[in-house]
Amino acid sequence: MKRKNSPCIDICQFSGKNGWCRGCGRTRDEARKWKSIKPFAKTAILKDLARRIAIIEREQ
């Protein structure tokens, strides 16, 4: 089974005051640099994505 390296779900709509993607919760910069981000930084971002998505959904 191939492991998915990115949290992207192909819904790339960046908006809101934080500029987070409505699909995955990352910023444009995080998405752009994802392949070169260090593993510990990816882990920190991944842990925060659920919180970001919840905030995005409340703002809608």
PDB file of N, CA and C in Angstrom:
ATOM      1  N   MET A   1       0.837  -1.171   0.000  1.00  0.00           N
ATOM      2  CA  MET A   1       0.000   0.000   0.000  1.00  0.00           C
ATOM      3  C   MET A   1       0.887   1.241   0.000  1.00  0.00           C
ATOM      4  N   LYS A   2       0.589   2.181  -0.892  1.00  0.00           N
ATOM      5  CA  LYS A   2       1.374   3.403  -0.988  1.00  0.00           C
ATOM      6  C   LYS A   2       0.928   4.389   0.087  1.00  0.00           C
ATOM      7  N   ARG A   3       1.891   4.929   0.799  1.00  0.00           N
ATOM      8  CA  ARG A   3       1.584   5.900   1.844  1.00  0.00           C
ATOM      9  C   ARG A   3       1.425   7.281   1.235  1.00  0.00           C
ATOM     10  N   LYS A   4       0.378   7.969   1.593  1.00  0.00           N
ATOM     11  CA  LYS A   4       0.142   9.306   1.091  1.00  0.00           C
ATOM     12  C   LYS A   4       1.036  10.273   1.864  1.00  0.00           C
ATOM     13  N   ASN A   5       1.801  11.051   1.134  1.00  0.00           N
ATOM     14  CA  ASN A   5       2.746  11.958   1.768  1.00  0.00           C
ATOM     15  C   ASN A   5       2.166  13.317   2.100  1.00  0.00           C
ATOM     16  N   SER A   6       1.042  13.651   1.550  1.00  0.00           N
ATOM     17  CA  SER A   6       0.479  14.977   1.723  1.00  0.00           C
ATOM     18  C   SER A   6      -0.947  14.884   2.264  1.00  0.00           C
ATOM     19  N   PRO A   7      -1.368  15.852   3.076  1.00  0.00           N
ATOM     20  CA  PRO A   7      -2.749  15.860   3.564  1.00  0.00           C
ATOM     21  C   PRO A   7      -3.737  16.429   2.544  1.00  0.00           C
ATOM     22  N   CYS A   8      -3.249  16.813   1.381  1.00  0.00           N
ATOM     23  CA  CYS A   8      -4.084  17.429   0.348  1.00  0.00           C
ATOM     24  C   CYS A   8      -5.205  16.483  -0.074  1.00  0.00           C
ATOM     25  N   ILE A   9      -6.420  17.054  -0.213  1.00  0.00           N
ATOM     26  CA  ILE A   9      -7.557  16.270  -0.700  1.00  0.00           C
ATOM     27  C   ILE A   9      -8.107  16.882  -1.994  1.00  0.00           C
ATOM     28  N   ASP A  10      -7.287  17.652  -2.686  1.00  0.00           N
ATOM     29  CA  ASP A  10      -7.618  18.267  -3.980  1.00  0.00           C
ATOM     30  C   ASP A  10      -8.783  19.242  -3.923  1.00  0.00           C
ATOM     31  N   ILE A  11      -8.923  19.935  -2.819  1.00  0.00           N
ATOM     32  CA  ILE A  11      -9.863  21.046  -2.699  1.00  0.00           C
ATOM     33  C   ILE A  11      -9.017  22.254  -2.298  1.00  0.00           C
ATOM     34  N   CYS A  12      -8.372  22.853  -3.253  1.00  0.00           N
ATOM     35  CA  CYS A  12      -7.413  23.920  -2.960  1.00  0.00           C
ATOM     36  C   CYS A  12      -8.077  25.280  -3.063  1.00  0.00           C
ATOM     37  N   GLN A  13      -8.700  25.705  -1.982  1.00  0.00           N
ATOM     38  CA  GLN A  13      -9.355  27.004  -1.901  1.00  0.00           C
ATOM     39  C   GLN A  13      -8.824  27.700  -0.653  1.00  0.00           C
ATOM     40  N   PHE A  14      -7.947  28.658  -0.853  1.00  0.00           N
ATOM     41  CA  PHE A  14      -7.344  29.372   0.261  1.00  0.00           C
ATOM     42  C   PHE A  14      -8.137  30.638   0.519  1.00  0.00           C
ATOM     43  N   SER A  15      -8.629  30.763   1.751  1.00  0.00           N
ATOM     44  CA  SER A  15      -9.412  31.941   2.084  1.00  0.00           C
ATOM     45  C   SER A  15      -9.450  32.130   3.594  1.00  0.00           C
ATOM     46  N   GLY A  16     -10.201  33.112   4.009  1.00  0.00           N
ATOM     47  CA  GLY A  16     -10.320  33.396   5.430  1.00  0.00           C
ATOM     48  C   GLY A  16      -9.170  34.257   5.913  1.00  0.00           C
ATOM     49  N   LYS A  17      -9.282  34.713   7.120  1.00  0.00           N
ATOM     50  CA  LYS A  17      -8.271  35.626   7.662  1.00  0.00           C
ATOM     51  C   LYS A  17      -6.920  34.949   7.859  1.00  0.00           C
ATOM     52  N   ASN A  18      -6.902  33.621   8.008  1.00  0.00           N
ATOM     53  CA  ASN A  18      -5.652  32.905   8.218  1.00  0.00           C
ATOM     54  C   ASN A  18      -5.027  32.396   6.925  1.00  0.00           C
ATOM     55  N   GLY A  19      -5.788  32.380   5.844  1.00  0.00           N
ATOM     56  CA  GLY A  19      -5.293  31.902   4.568  1.00  0.00           C
ATOM     57  C   GLY A  19      -5.108  30.397   4.505  1.00  0.00           C
ATOM     58  N   TRP A  20      -5.881  29.670   5.292  1.00  0.00           N
ATOM     59  CA  TRP A  20      -5.795  28.208   5.308  1.00  0.00           C
ATOM     60  C   TRP A  20      -6.632  27.635   4.170  1.00  0.00           C
ATOM     61  N   CYS A  21      -6.179  26.503   3.649  1.00  0.00           N
ATOM     62  CA  CYS A  21      -6.916  25.806   2.603  1.00  0.00           C
ATOM     63  C   CYS A  21      -8.184  25.187   3.200  1.00  0.00           C
ATOM     64  N   ARG A  22      -9.308  25.343   2.497  1.00  0.00           N
ATOM     65  CA  ARG A  22     -10.564  24.760   2.982  1.00  0.00           C
ATOM     66  C   ARG A  22     -10.549  23.240   2.921  1.00  0.00           C
ATOM     67  N   GLY A  23      -9.674  22.667   2.103  1.00  0.00           N
ATOM     68  CA  GLY A  23      -9.606  21.213   1.972  1.00  0.00           C
ATOM     69  C   GLY A  23      -8.734  20.547   3.012  1.00  0.00           C
ATOM     70  N   CYS A  24      -7.503  21.038   3.165  1.00  0.00           N
ATOM     71  CA  CYS A  24      -6.561  20.345   4.052  1.00  0.00           C
ATOM     72  C   CYS A  24      -6.138  21.167   5.272  1.00  0.00           C
ATOM     73  N   GLY A  25      -6.343  22.476   5.239  1.00  0.00           N
ATOM     74  CA  GLY A  25      -6.008  23.308   6.392  1.00  0.00           C
ATOM     75  C   GLY A  25      -4.628  23.942   6.353  1.00  0.00           C
ATOM     76  N   ARG A  26      -3.828  23.609   5.343  1.00  0.00           N
ATOM     77  CA  ARG A  26      -2.490  24.190   5.273  1.00  0.00           C
ATOM     78  C   ARG A  26      -2.536  25.586   4.671  1.00  0.00           C
ATOM     79  N   THR A  27      -1.503  26.372   4.916  1.00  0.00           N
ATOM     80  CA  THR A  27      -1.364  27.666   4.257  1.00  0.00           C
ATOM     81  C   THR A  27      -0.783  27.432   2.864  1.00  0.00           C
ATOM     82  N   ARG A  28      -0.838  28.449   2.021  1.00  0.00           N
ATOM     83  CA  ARG A  28      -0.238  28.327   0.686  1.00  0.00           C
ATOM     84  C   ARG A  28       1.243  27.993   0.802  1.00  0.00           C
ATOM     85  N   ASP A  29       1.919  28.661   1.710  1.00  0.00           N
ATOM     86  CA  ASP A  29       3.350  28.452   1.885  1.00  0.00           C
ATOM     87  C   ASP A  29       3.648  27.022   2.339  1.00  0.00           C
ATOM     88  N   GLU A  30       2.867  26.521   3.291  1.00  0.00           N
ATOM     89  CA  GLU A  30       3.051  25.134   3.755  1.00  0.00           C
ATOM     90  C   GLU A  30       2.810  24.147   2.627  1.00  0.00           C
ATOM     91  N   ALA A  31       1.778  24.371   1.830  1.00  0.00           N
ATOM     92  CA  ALA A  31       1.463  23.475   0.718  1.00  0.00           C
ATOM     93  C   ALA A  31       2.572  23.516  -0.332  1.00  0.00           C
ATOM     94  N   ARG A  32       3.049  24.715  -0.629  1.00  0.00           N
ATOM     95  CA  ARG A  32       4.077  24.887  -1.645  1.00  0.00           C
ATOM     96  C   ARG A  32       5.383  24.212  -1.235  1.00  0.00           C
ATOM     97  N   LYS A  33       5.726  24.311   0.037  1.00  0.00           N
ATOM     98  CA  LYS A  33       7.017  23.808   0.521  1.00  0.00           C
ATOM     99  C   LYS A  33       6.928  22.408   1.137  1.00  0.00           C
ATOM    100  N   TRP A  34       5.763  21.756   1.057  1.00  0.00           N
ATOM    101  CA  TRP A  34       5.509  20.500   1.775  1.00  0.00           C
ATOM    102  C   TRP A  34       6.598  19.452   1.567  1.00  0.00           C
ATOM    103  N   LYS A  35       7.039  19.254   0.333  1.00  0.00           N
ATOM    104  CA  LYS A  35       8.031  18.208   0.049  1.00  0.00           C
ATOM    105  C   LYS A  35       9.385  18.482   0.692  1.00  0.00           C
ATOM    106  N   SER A  36       9.692  19.738   0.970  1.00  0.00           N
ATOM    107  CA  SER A  36      11.003  20.066   1.530  1.00  0.00           C
ATOM    108  C   SER A  36      10.975  20.348   3.034  1.00  0.00           C
ATOM    109  N   ILE A  37       9.796  20.325   3.640  1.00  0.00           N
ATOM    110  CA  ILE A  37       9.682  20.574   5.076  1.00  0.00           C
ATOM    111  C   ILE A  37      10.235  19.378   5.843  1.00  0.00           C
ATOM    112  N   LYS A  38      10.946  19.651   6.914  1.00  0.00           N
ATOM    113  CA  LYS A  38      11.521  18.594   7.759  1.00  0.00           C
ATOM    114  C   LYS A  38      10.407  17.772   8.396  1.00  0.00           C
ATOM    115  N   PRO A  39      10.670  16.474   8.646  1.00  0.00           N
ATOM    116  CA  PRO A  39       9.632  15.590   9.211  1.00  0.00           C
ATOM    117  C   PRO A  39       9.021  16.092  10.518  1.00  0.00           C
ATOM    118  N   PHE A  40       9.827  16.660  11.428  1.00  0.00           N
ATOM    119  CA  PHE A  40       9.244  17.132  12.691  1.00  0.00           C
ATOM    120  C   PHE A  40       8.316  18.318  12.463  1.00  0.00           C
ATOM    121  N   ALA A  41       8.612  19.139  11.465  1.00  0.00           N
ATOM    122  CA  ALA A  41       7.735  20.271  11.152  1.00  0.00           C
ATOM    123  C   ALA A  41       6.434  19.778  10.520  1.00  0.00           C
ATOM    124  N   LYS A  42       6.522  18.758   9.663  1.00  0.00           N
ATOM    125  CA  LYS A  42       5.311  18.167   9.073  1.00  0.00           C
ATOM    126  C   LYS A  42       4.415  17.601  10.166  1.00  0.00           C
ATOM    127  N   THR A  43       5.029  16.921  11.123  1.00  0.00           N
ATOM    128  CA  THR A  43       4.265  16.334  12.219  1.00  0.00           C
ATOM    129  C   THR A  43       3.528  17.416  13.002  1.00  0.00           C
ATOM    130  N   ALA A  44       4.196  18.520  13.264  1.00  0.00           N
ATOM    131  CA  ALA A  44       3.568  19.625  13.996  1.00  0.00           C
ATOM    132  C   ALA A  44       2.400  20.199  13.207  1.00  0.00           C
ATOM    133  N   ILE A  45       2.578  20.367  11.910  1.00  0.00           N
ATOM    134  CA  ILE A  45       1.502  20.890  11.068  1.00  0.00           C
ATOM    135  C   ILE A  45       0.338  19.901  11.028  1.00  0.00           C
ATOM    136  N   LEU A  46       0.638  18.632  10.824  1.00  0.00           N
ATOM    137  CA  LEU A  46      -0.409  17.611  10.758  1.00  0.00           C
ATOM    138  C   LEU A  46      -1.233  17.554  12.039  1.00  0.00           C
ATOM    139  N   LYS A  47      -0.589  17.730  13.183  1.00  0.00           N
ATOM    140  CA  LYS A  47      -1.309  17.715  14.459  1.00  0.00           C
ATOM    141  C   LYS A  47      -2.264  18.894  14.574  1.00  0.00           C
ATOM    142  N   ASP A  48      -1.960  20.000  13.889  1.00  0.00           N
ATOM    143  CA  ASP A  48      -2.768  21.216  13.990  1.00  0.00           C
ATOM    144  C   ASP A  48      -3.873  21.291  12.935  1.00  0.00           C
ATOM    145  N   LEU A  49      -3.826  20.448  11.922  1.00  0.00           N
ATOM    146  CA  LEU A  49      -4.778  20.564  10.817  1.00  0.00           C
ATOM    147  C   LEU A  49      -6.226  20.348  11.231  1.00  0.00           C
ATOM    148  N   ALA A  50      -6.503  19.423  12.111  1.00  0.00           N
ATOM    149  CA  ALA A  50      -7.893  19.182  12.541  1.00  0.00           C
ATOM    150  C   ALA A  50      -8.470  20.430  13.209  1.00  0.00           C
ATOM    151  N   ARG A  51      -7.661  21.096  14.015  1.00  0.00           N
ATOM    152  CA  ARG A  51      -8.105  22.333  14.674  1.00  0.00           C
ATOM    153  C   ARG A  51      -8.383  23.417  13.634  1.00  0.00           C
ATOM    154  N   ARG A  52      -7.487  23.532  12.662  1.00  0.00           N
ATOM    155  CA  ARG A  52      -7.658  24.540  11.608  1.00  0.00           C
ATOM    156  C   ARG A  52      -8.929  24.288  10.805  1.00  0.00           C
ATOM    157  N   ILE A  53      -9.180  23.040  10.432  1.00  0.00           N
ATOM    158  CA  ILE A  53     -10.367  22.699   9.661  1.00  0.00           C
ATOM    159  C   ILE A  53     -11.628  23.026  10.467  1.00  0.00           C
ATOM    160  N   ALA A  54     -11.620  22.752  11.756  1.00  0.00           N
ATOM    161  CA  ALA A  54     -12.769  23.075  12.604  1.00  0.00           C
ATOM    162  C   ALA A  54     -13.026  24.577  12.617  1.00  0.00           C
ATOM    163  N   ILE A  55     -11.990  25.365  12.666  1.00  0.00           N
ATOM    164  CA  ILE A  55     -12.130  26.827  12.645  1.00  0.00           C
ATOM    165  C   ILE A  55     -12.685  27.281  11.293  1.00  0.00           C
ATOM    166  N   ILE A  56     -12.159  26.705  10.210  1.00  0.00           N
ATOM    167  CA  ILE A  56     -12.635  27.050   8.874  1.00  0.00           C
ATOM    168  C   ILE A  56     -14.126  26.754   8.746  1.00  0.00           C
ATOM    169  N   GLU A  57     -14.556  25.599   9.250  1.00  0.00           N
ATOM    170  CA  GLU A  57     -15.972  25.223   9.151  1.00  0.00           C
ATOM    171  C   GLU A  57     -16.863  26.144   9.962  1.00  0.00           C
ATOM    172  N   ARG A  58     -16.385  26.611  11.119  1.00  0.00           N
ATOM    173  CA  ARG A  58     -17.175  27.551  11.927  1.00  0.00           C
ATOM    174  C   ARG A  58     -17.318  28.894  11.234  1.00  0.00           C
ATOM    175  N   GLU A  59     -16.293  29.308  10.469  1.00  0.00           N
ATOM    176  CA  GLU A  59     -16.310  30.599   9.793  1.00  0.00           C
ATOM    177  C   GLU A  59     -17.268  30.621   8.603  1.00  0.00           C
ATOM    178  N   GLN A  60     -17.634  29.473   8.079  1.00  0.00           N
ATOM    179  CA  GLN A  60     -18.490  29.410   6.885  1.00  0.00           C
ATOM    180  C   GLN A  60     -19.910  29.719   7.200  1.00  0.00           C
TER     181      GLN A  60
END
